[in-house]
N, C-alpha and C. Protein backbone atom coordinates (compact mmCIF):
# COMPACT_ATOMS: atom_id res chain seq x y z
N MET A 1 0.84 -1.17 0.00
CA MET A 1 0.00 0.00 0.00
C MET A 1 0.89 1.25 0.00
N LYS A 2 0.46 2.23 -0.76
CA LYS A 2 1.20 3.49 -0.84
C LYS A 2 0.33 4.60 -0.24
N PHE A 3 0.97 5.50 0.49
CA PHE A 3 0.29 6.63 1.09
C PHE A 3 0.67 7.90 0.34
N GLU A 4 -0.33 8.73 0.07
CA GLU A 4 -0.09 9.96 -0.69
C GLU A 4 -0.79 11.13 -0.05
N GLU A 5 -0.25 12.31 -0.33
CA GLU A 5 -0.91 13.56 -0.02
C GLU A 5 -1.28 14.20 -1.35
N THR A 6 -2.47 14.79 -1.41
CA THR A 6 -2.91 15.43 -2.65
C THR A 6 -2.13 16.73 -2.89
N HIS A 7 -2.16 17.17 -4.15
CA HIS A 7 -1.52 18.44 -4.49
C HIS A 7 -2.16 19.59 -3.73
N VAL A 8 -3.48 19.54 -3.56
CA VAL A 8 -4.19 20.62 -2.86
C VAL A 8 -3.73 20.68 -1.40
N ARG A 9 -3.52 19.52 -0.79
CA ARG A 9 -3.01 19.50 0.59
C ARG A 9 -1.62 20.14 0.64
N SER A 10 -0.76 19.78 -0.31
CA SER A 10 0.59 20.36 -0.34
C SER A 10 0.54 21.87 -0.51
N ILE A 11 -0.32 22.35 -1.38
CA ILE A 11 -0.44 23.79 -1.59
C ILE A 11 -0.97 24.47 -0.32
N THR A 12 -1.94 23.85 0.34
CA THR A 12 -2.48 24.41 1.58
C THR A 12 -1.40 24.45 2.66
N LYS A 13 -0.56 23.41 2.71
CA LYS A 13 0.55 23.42 3.65
C LYS A 13 1.53 24.55 3.33
N VAL A 14 1.75 24.80 2.05
CA VAL A 14 2.63 25.90 1.65
C VAL A 14 2.09 27.23 2.18
N VAL A 15 0.79 27.44 2.01
CA VAL A 15 0.18 28.71 2.44
C VAL A 15 0.29 28.87 3.96
N SER A 16 -0.05 27.82 4.71
CA SER A 16 0.02 27.93 6.17
C SER A 16 1.47 28.12 6.63
N TRP A 17 2.39 27.43 5.99
CA TRP A 17 3.81 27.58 6.30
C TRP A 17 4.27 28.99 5.99
N ARG A 18 3.86 29.52 4.85
CA ARG A 18 4.31 30.84 4.43
C ARG A 18 3.87 31.92 5.40
N VAL A 19 2.66 31.83 5.91
CA VAL A 19 2.18 32.82 6.87
C VAL A 19 3.09 32.82 8.10
N LEU A 20 3.33 31.63 8.64
CA LEU A 20 4.18 31.53 9.83
C LEU A 20 5.59 32.04 9.56
N ILE A 21 6.15 31.62 8.45
CA ILE A 21 7.56 31.90 8.19
C ILE A 21 7.80 33.33 7.72
N THR A 22 6.82 33.94 7.07
CA THR A 22 6.98 35.33 6.65
C THR A 22 7.09 36.24 7.87
N VAL A 23 6.28 35.97 8.88
CA VAL A 23 6.38 36.74 10.12
C VAL A 23 7.77 36.52 10.74
N SER A 24 8.23 35.28 10.76
CA SER A 24 9.56 34.98 11.29
C SER A 24 10.65 35.70 10.50
N HIS A 25 10.55 35.68 9.16
CA HIS A 25 11.55 36.34 8.32
C HIS A 25 11.57 37.85 8.57
N LEU A 26 10.40 38.44 8.71
CA LEU A 26 10.34 39.87 8.95
C LEU A 26 11.03 40.24 10.26
N VAL A 27 10.75 39.49 11.31
CA VAL A 27 11.38 39.76 12.61
C VAL A 27 12.89 39.50 12.54
N ASN A 28 13.29 38.37 11.96
CA ASN A 28 14.72 38.05 11.84
C ASN A 28 15.46 39.11 11.04
N ALA A 29 14.87 39.55 9.93
CA ALA A 29 15.53 40.56 9.08
C ALA A 29 15.61 41.90 9.79
N LEU A 30 14.59 42.25 10.53
CA LEU A 30 14.62 43.49 11.30
C LEU A 30 15.75 43.46 12.33
N ILE A 31 15.89 42.32 13.01
CA ILE A 31 16.98 42.18 13.99
C ILE A 31 18.34 42.19 13.29
N ALA A 32 18.47 41.48 12.16
CA ALA A 32 19.76 41.35 11.47
C ALA A 32 20.21 42.66 10.83
N THR A 33 19.25 43.44 10.30
CA THR A 33 19.63 44.64 9.55
C THR A 33 19.32 45.94 10.28
N GLY A 34 18.40 45.89 11.24
CA GLY A 34 17.98 47.11 11.93
C GLY A 34 17.05 47.97 11.10
N SER A 35 16.59 47.46 9.97
CA SER A 35 15.76 48.24 9.06
C SER A 35 14.47 47.51 8.73
N LEU A 36 13.35 48.17 8.97
CA LEU A 36 12.06 47.58 8.62
C LEU A 36 11.94 47.41 7.11
N MET A 37 12.43 48.38 6.34
CA MET A 37 12.34 48.29 4.87
C MET A 37 13.14 47.09 4.35
N MET A 38 14.34 46.87 4.88
CA MET A 38 15.12 45.70 4.48
C MET A 38 14.39 44.42 4.89
N GLY A 39 13.79 44.43 6.07
CA GLY A 39 13.02 43.28 6.53
C GLY A 39 11.88 42.96 5.59
N LEU A 40 11.17 43.99 5.14
CA LEU A 40 10.06 43.79 4.21
C LEU A 40 10.55 43.25 2.86
N LYS A 41 11.67 43.76 2.38
CA LYS A 41 12.23 43.29 1.11
C LYS A 41 12.66 41.83 1.21
N ILE A 42 13.37 41.50 2.27
CA ILE A 42 13.83 40.12 2.46
C ILE A 42 12.64 39.18 2.60
N ALA A 43 11.69 39.54 3.45
CA ALA A 43 10.51 38.69 3.66
C ALA A 43 9.70 38.55 2.37
N GLY A 44 9.59 39.62 1.60
CA GLY A 44 8.84 39.58 0.34
C GLY A 44 9.46 38.66 -0.69
N LEU A 45 10.77 38.80 -0.91
CA LEU A 45 11.45 37.94 -1.89
C LEU A 45 11.46 36.49 -1.42
N ALA A 46 11.68 36.30 -0.12
CA ALA A 46 11.68 34.93 0.42
C ALA A 46 10.31 34.28 0.28
N THR A 47 9.24 35.06 0.36
CA THR A 47 7.90 34.51 0.19
C THR A 47 7.77 33.83 -1.16
N ILE A 48 8.27 34.45 -2.19
CA ILE A 48 8.16 33.90 -3.55
C ILE A 48 9.10 32.70 -3.72
N ILE A 49 10.36 32.89 -3.47
CA ILE A 49 11.37 31.85 -3.72
C ILE A 49 11.16 30.65 -2.80
N ASN A 50 11.01 30.90 -1.50
CA ASN A 50 10.93 29.80 -0.55
C ASN A 50 9.61 29.04 -0.63
N SER A 51 8.54 29.70 -1.09
CA SER A 51 7.28 28.97 -1.30
C SER A 51 7.46 27.92 -2.38
N CYS A 52 8.13 28.29 -3.45
CA CYS A 52 8.39 27.32 -4.53
C CYS A 52 9.28 26.18 -4.02
N LEU A 53 10.31 26.52 -3.26
CA LEU A 53 11.18 25.49 -2.71
C LEU A 53 10.42 24.56 -1.76
N PHE A 54 9.53 25.12 -0.93
CA PHE A 54 8.75 24.31 0.01
C PHE A 54 7.85 23.33 -0.75
N TRP A 55 7.17 23.82 -1.78
CA TRP A 55 6.28 22.95 -2.55
C TRP A 55 7.07 21.82 -3.20
N LEU A 56 8.21 22.14 -3.81
CA LEU A 56 9.05 21.11 -4.43
C LEU A 56 9.52 20.09 -3.40
N HIS A 57 9.89 20.55 -2.22
CA HIS A 57 10.32 19.66 -1.14
C HIS A 57 9.19 18.73 -0.71
N GLU A 58 7.98 19.28 -0.54
CA GLU A 58 6.82 18.47 -0.16
C GLU A 58 6.51 17.39 -1.19
N ARG A 59 6.54 17.77 -2.46
CA ARG A 59 6.21 16.82 -3.52
C ARG A 59 7.29 15.74 -3.62
N ALA A 60 8.55 16.10 -3.42
CA ALA A 60 9.64 15.11 -3.45
C ALA A 60 9.44 14.10 -2.32
N TRP A 61 9.14 14.58 -1.12
CA TRP A 61 8.94 13.67 0.02
C TRP A 61 7.69 12.82 -0.16
N ASN A 62 6.73 13.27 -0.94
CA ASN A 62 5.52 12.49 -1.17
C ASN A 62 5.85 11.16 -1.86
N TYR A 63 6.92 11.13 -2.64
CA TYR A 63 7.30 9.89 -3.33
C TYR A 63 7.90 8.86 -2.39
N PHE A 64 8.49 9.29 -1.30
CA PHE A 64 9.13 8.37 -0.36
C PHE A 64 8.12 7.90 0.69
N GLN A 65 7.95 6.59 0.82
CA GLN A 65 6.97 6.02 1.74
C GLN A 65 7.54 5.74 3.12
N TRP A 66 8.82 5.93 3.28
CA TRP A 66 9.49 5.60 4.53
C TRP A 66 8.79 6.25 5.72
N ASN A 67 8.51 5.45 6.74
CA ASN A 67 7.95 5.85 8.02
C ASN A 67 6.53 6.42 7.91
N ARG A 68 5.78 5.90 6.92
CA ARG A 68 4.35 6.16 6.82
C ARG A 68 3.66 4.84 7.09
N ARG A 69 2.55 4.89 7.85
CA ARG A 69 1.82 3.65 8.13
C ARG A 69 0.33 3.92 8.18
N LYS A 70 -0.42 2.89 7.92
CA LYS A 70 -1.88 2.97 7.92
C LYS A 70 -2.37 3.42 9.28
N ASP A 71 -3.40 4.29 9.26
CA ASP A 71 -4.02 4.77 10.49
C ASP A 71 -5.50 4.97 10.18
N SER A 72 -6.36 4.29 10.91
CA SER A 72 -7.79 4.32 10.61
C SER A 72 -8.40 5.72 10.78
N LYS A 73 -7.90 6.51 11.67
CA LYS A 73 -8.45 7.84 11.90
C LYS A 73 -7.88 8.88 10.93
N LEU A 74 -6.62 8.73 10.58
CA LEU A 74 -5.93 9.75 9.79
C LEU A 74 -5.65 9.32 8.36
N GLU A 75 -6.11 8.16 7.94
CA GLU A 75 -5.78 7.54 6.65
C GLU A 75 -4.38 6.95 6.72
N PHE A 76 -3.39 7.77 7.02
CA PHE A 76 -2.05 7.28 7.31
C PHE A 76 -1.38 8.24 8.27
N ASN A 77 -0.37 7.73 8.95
CA ASN A 77 0.34 8.50 9.96
C ASN A 77 1.81 8.56 9.57
N GLU A 78 2.42 9.70 9.76
CA GLU A 78 3.84 9.84 9.51
C GLU A 78 4.55 9.88 10.85
N GLY A 79 5.54 9.03 11.00
CA GLY A 79 6.25 8.94 12.27
C GLY A 79 7.17 10.13 12.52
N GLN A 80 7.55 10.28 13.78
CA GLN A 80 8.47 11.35 14.17
C GLN A 80 9.79 11.30 13.39
N PRO A 81 10.37 10.09 13.16
CA PRO A 81 11.62 10.06 12.40
C PRO A 81 11.48 10.65 10.99
N ARG A 82 10.32 10.47 10.37
CA ARG A 82 10.08 11.06 9.05
C ARG A 82 10.09 12.58 9.14
N SER A 83 9.38 13.12 10.14
CA SER A 83 9.36 14.58 10.31
C SER A 83 10.75 15.13 10.55
N ILE A 84 11.53 14.43 11.36
CA ILE A 84 12.91 14.88 11.63
C ILE A 84 13.75 14.82 10.36
N SER A 85 13.59 13.77 9.57
CA SER A 85 14.33 13.66 8.30
C SER A 85 13.94 14.77 7.34
N LYS A 86 12.65 15.10 7.32
CA LYS A 86 12.20 16.20 6.47
C LYS A 86 12.80 17.53 6.94
N ILE A 87 12.93 17.70 8.25
CA ILE A 87 13.55 18.91 8.78
C ILE A 87 14.98 19.03 8.27
N VAL A 88 15.73 17.93 8.34
CA VAL A 88 17.13 17.96 7.93
C VAL A 88 17.27 18.31 6.45
N THR A 89 16.50 17.63 5.59
CA THR A 89 16.60 17.91 4.15
C THR A 89 16.13 19.33 3.83
N TRP A 90 15.09 19.77 4.53
CA TRP A 90 14.60 21.13 4.33
C TRP A 90 15.65 22.15 4.76
N ARG A 91 16.33 21.91 5.89
CA ARG A 91 17.32 22.85 6.38
C ARG A 91 18.47 23.01 5.39
N VAL A 92 18.91 21.90 4.81
CA VAL A 92 20.00 21.98 3.83
C VAL A 92 19.60 22.89 2.67
N LEU A 93 18.40 22.70 2.19
CA LEU A 93 17.90 23.49 1.06
C LEU A 93 17.67 24.95 1.44
N ILE A 94 16.99 25.16 2.54
CA ILE A 94 16.54 26.51 2.88
C ILE A 94 17.64 27.38 3.48
N THR A 95 18.64 26.78 4.11
CA THR A 95 19.72 27.59 4.67
C THR A 95 20.45 28.35 3.57
N SER A 96 20.63 27.70 2.44
CA SER A 96 21.25 28.40 1.29
C SER A 96 20.42 29.61 0.88
N SER A 97 19.13 29.40 0.77
CA SER A 97 18.22 30.49 0.40
C SER A 97 18.21 31.58 1.46
N ASN A 98 18.21 31.18 2.73
CA ASN A 98 18.16 32.16 3.82
C ASN A 98 19.45 32.96 3.96
N PHE A 99 20.50 32.50 3.33
CA PHE A 99 21.72 33.30 3.29
C PHE A 99 21.74 34.17 2.03
N LEU A 100 21.41 33.56 0.89
CA LEU A 100 21.54 34.27 -0.39
C LEU A 100 20.56 35.44 -0.53
N ILE A 101 19.32 35.27 -0.11
CA ILE A 101 18.34 36.35 -0.26
C ILE A 101 18.76 37.60 0.51
N PRO A 102 19.08 37.50 1.82
CA PRO A 102 19.52 38.72 2.52
C PRO A 102 20.82 39.30 1.96
N PHE A 103 21.72 38.42 1.50
CA PHE A 103 22.97 38.92 0.92
C PHE A 103 22.70 39.71 -0.35
N ILE A 104 21.84 39.18 -1.21
CA ILE A 104 21.51 39.88 -2.47
C ILE A 104 20.86 41.24 -2.17
N ILE A 105 19.97 41.28 -1.19
CA ILE A 105 19.26 42.52 -0.89
C ILE A 105 20.13 43.53 -0.15
N THR A 106 20.93 43.07 0.82
CA THR A 106 21.71 44.02 1.64
C THR A 106 23.14 44.21 1.14
N GLY A 107 23.67 43.21 0.46
CA GLY A 107 25.08 43.26 0.06
C GLY A 107 26.03 43.03 1.23
N SER A 108 25.48 42.65 2.36
CA SER A 108 26.29 42.48 3.57
C SER A 108 26.39 41.00 3.96
N TRP A 109 27.64 40.52 4.03
CA TRP A 109 27.88 39.15 4.46
C TRP A 109 27.44 38.97 5.91
N GLY A 110 27.70 39.98 6.73
CA GLY A 110 27.36 39.92 8.15
C GLY A 110 25.86 39.83 8.39
N SER A 111 25.10 40.69 7.74
CA SER A 111 23.64 40.66 7.90
C SER A 111 23.07 39.34 7.39
N ALA A 112 23.61 38.87 6.28
CA ALA A 112 23.14 37.60 5.71
C ALA A 112 23.43 36.45 6.67
N ALA A 113 24.61 36.45 7.27
CA ALA A 113 24.99 35.38 8.21
C ALA A 113 24.13 35.42 9.47
N ILE A 114 23.88 36.62 10.00
CA ILE A 114 23.03 36.74 11.19
C ILE A 114 21.62 36.25 10.87
N PHE A 115 21.08 36.69 9.75
CA PHE A 115 19.73 36.27 9.35
C PHE A 115 19.66 34.76 9.19
N ALA A 116 20.61 34.18 8.45
CA ALA A 116 20.60 32.73 8.21
C ALA A 116 20.74 31.95 9.51
N GLY A 117 21.57 32.43 10.41
CA GLY A 117 21.75 31.75 11.70
C GLY A 117 20.49 31.76 12.53
N MET A 118 19.86 32.92 12.65
CA MET A 118 18.61 33.00 13.41
C MET A 118 17.52 32.17 12.75
N ALA A 119 17.40 32.28 11.44
CA ALA A 119 16.36 31.54 10.72
C ALA A 119 16.55 30.03 10.87
N THR A 120 17.77 29.57 10.91
CA THR A 120 18.03 28.14 11.04
C THR A 120 17.44 27.60 12.34
N VAL A 121 17.71 28.27 13.44
CA VAL A 121 17.23 27.79 14.74
C VAL A 121 15.72 27.97 14.88
N VAL A 122 15.24 29.16 14.68
CA VAL A 122 13.82 29.46 14.88
C VAL A 122 12.94 28.68 13.91
N ASN A 123 13.32 28.66 12.65
CA ASN A 123 12.47 28.03 11.64
C ASN A 123 12.44 26.51 11.73
N MET A 124 13.50 25.90 12.27
CA MET A 124 13.46 24.45 12.50
C MET A 124 12.37 24.10 13.51
N LEU A 125 12.27 24.89 14.55
CA LEU A 125 11.24 24.65 15.56
C LEU A 125 9.84 24.87 14.97
N ILE A 126 9.70 25.92 14.18
CA ILE A 126 8.41 26.18 13.55
C ILE A 126 8.07 25.06 12.57
N TYR A 127 9.05 24.59 11.81
CA TYR A 127 8.82 23.52 10.82
C TYR A 127 8.36 22.24 11.52
N TRP A 128 9.02 21.87 12.60
CA TRP A 128 8.64 20.66 13.33
C TRP A 128 7.19 20.76 13.81
N GLY A 129 6.83 21.89 14.41
CA GLY A 129 5.47 22.08 14.88
C GLY A 129 4.46 22.04 13.75
N HIS A 130 4.81 22.63 12.62
CA HIS A 130 3.94 22.65 11.45
C HIS A 130 3.71 21.22 10.92
N GLU A 131 4.78 20.44 10.83
CA GLU A 131 4.66 19.04 10.36
C GLU A 131 3.81 18.20 11.30
N ARG A 132 4.02 18.34 12.59
CA ARG A 132 3.25 17.55 13.56
C ARG A 132 1.78 17.97 13.55
N PHE A 133 1.51 19.27 13.39
CA PHE A 133 0.13 19.75 13.29
C PHE A 133 -0.56 19.13 12.08
N TRP A 134 0.08 19.20 10.93
CA TRP A 134 -0.52 18.68 9.69
C TRP A 134 -0.66 17.16 9.73
N ASN A 135 0.14 16.46 10.49
CA ASN A 135 0.01 15.02 10.61
C ASN A 135 -1.36 14.64 11.16
N TRP A 136 -1.94 15.48 11.99
CA TRP A 136 -3.22 15.17 12.63
C TRP A 136 -4.43 15.54 11.78
N ILE A 137 -4.20 16.12 10.63
CA ILE A 137 -5.31 16.50 9.74
C ILE A 137 -5.46 15.44 8.66
N LYS A 138 -6.60 14.80 8.61
CA LYS A 138 -6.85 13.72 7.66
C LYS A 138 -7.04 14.24 6.23
N TRP A 139 -7.60 15.42 6.09
CA TRP A 139 -7.92 15.96 4.78
C TRP A 139 -6.71 15.94 3.83
N GLY A 140 -6.94 15.44 2.63
CA GLY A 140 -5.89 15.42 1.61
C GLY A 140 -4.95 14.24 1.68
N LYS A 141 -5.20 13.29 2.58
CA LYS A 141 -4.41 12.07 2.67
C LYS A 141 -5.19 10.95 2.01
N ARG A 142 -4.47 10.04 1.36
CA ARG A 142 -5.15 8.89 0.78
C ARG A 142 -4.19 7.71 0.70
N SER A 143 -4.79 6.53 0.72
CA SER A 143 -4.04 5.28 0.55
C SER A 143 -4.39 4.72 -0.82
N VAL A 144 -3.36 4.37 -1.56
CA VAL A 144 -3.59 3.80 -2.90
C VAL A 144 -2.88 2.47 -3.05
């Protein structure tokens, strides 16, 4: 048996993730640069680029069945090790983006490093909570 998430579920997860993370990016950028305008620019560009990266990451993980199991209430359940593995692969991908976007906008290696460092710690915690929350929602899950 194979477990899948629908495209609509993945897109909905992108939207909910983006709301959480855009607020985080705005605060991180404000702290890293001291400028609300720079924070808005960084958060705005990251919204576009990182949403695409998140969707691609979700769809790639949809192909891997590892640590998914049948669950009568939820259609299927994803274990904690799967969520942790998704965090690791996501961090590798997104840390590059979280450094490059602030660097391109500010031209400052220091601001980019501060932003990427803060985003790495804070956003990992947000990502874990987001994954565990979505695990409990049956909508958009199916067994084929």
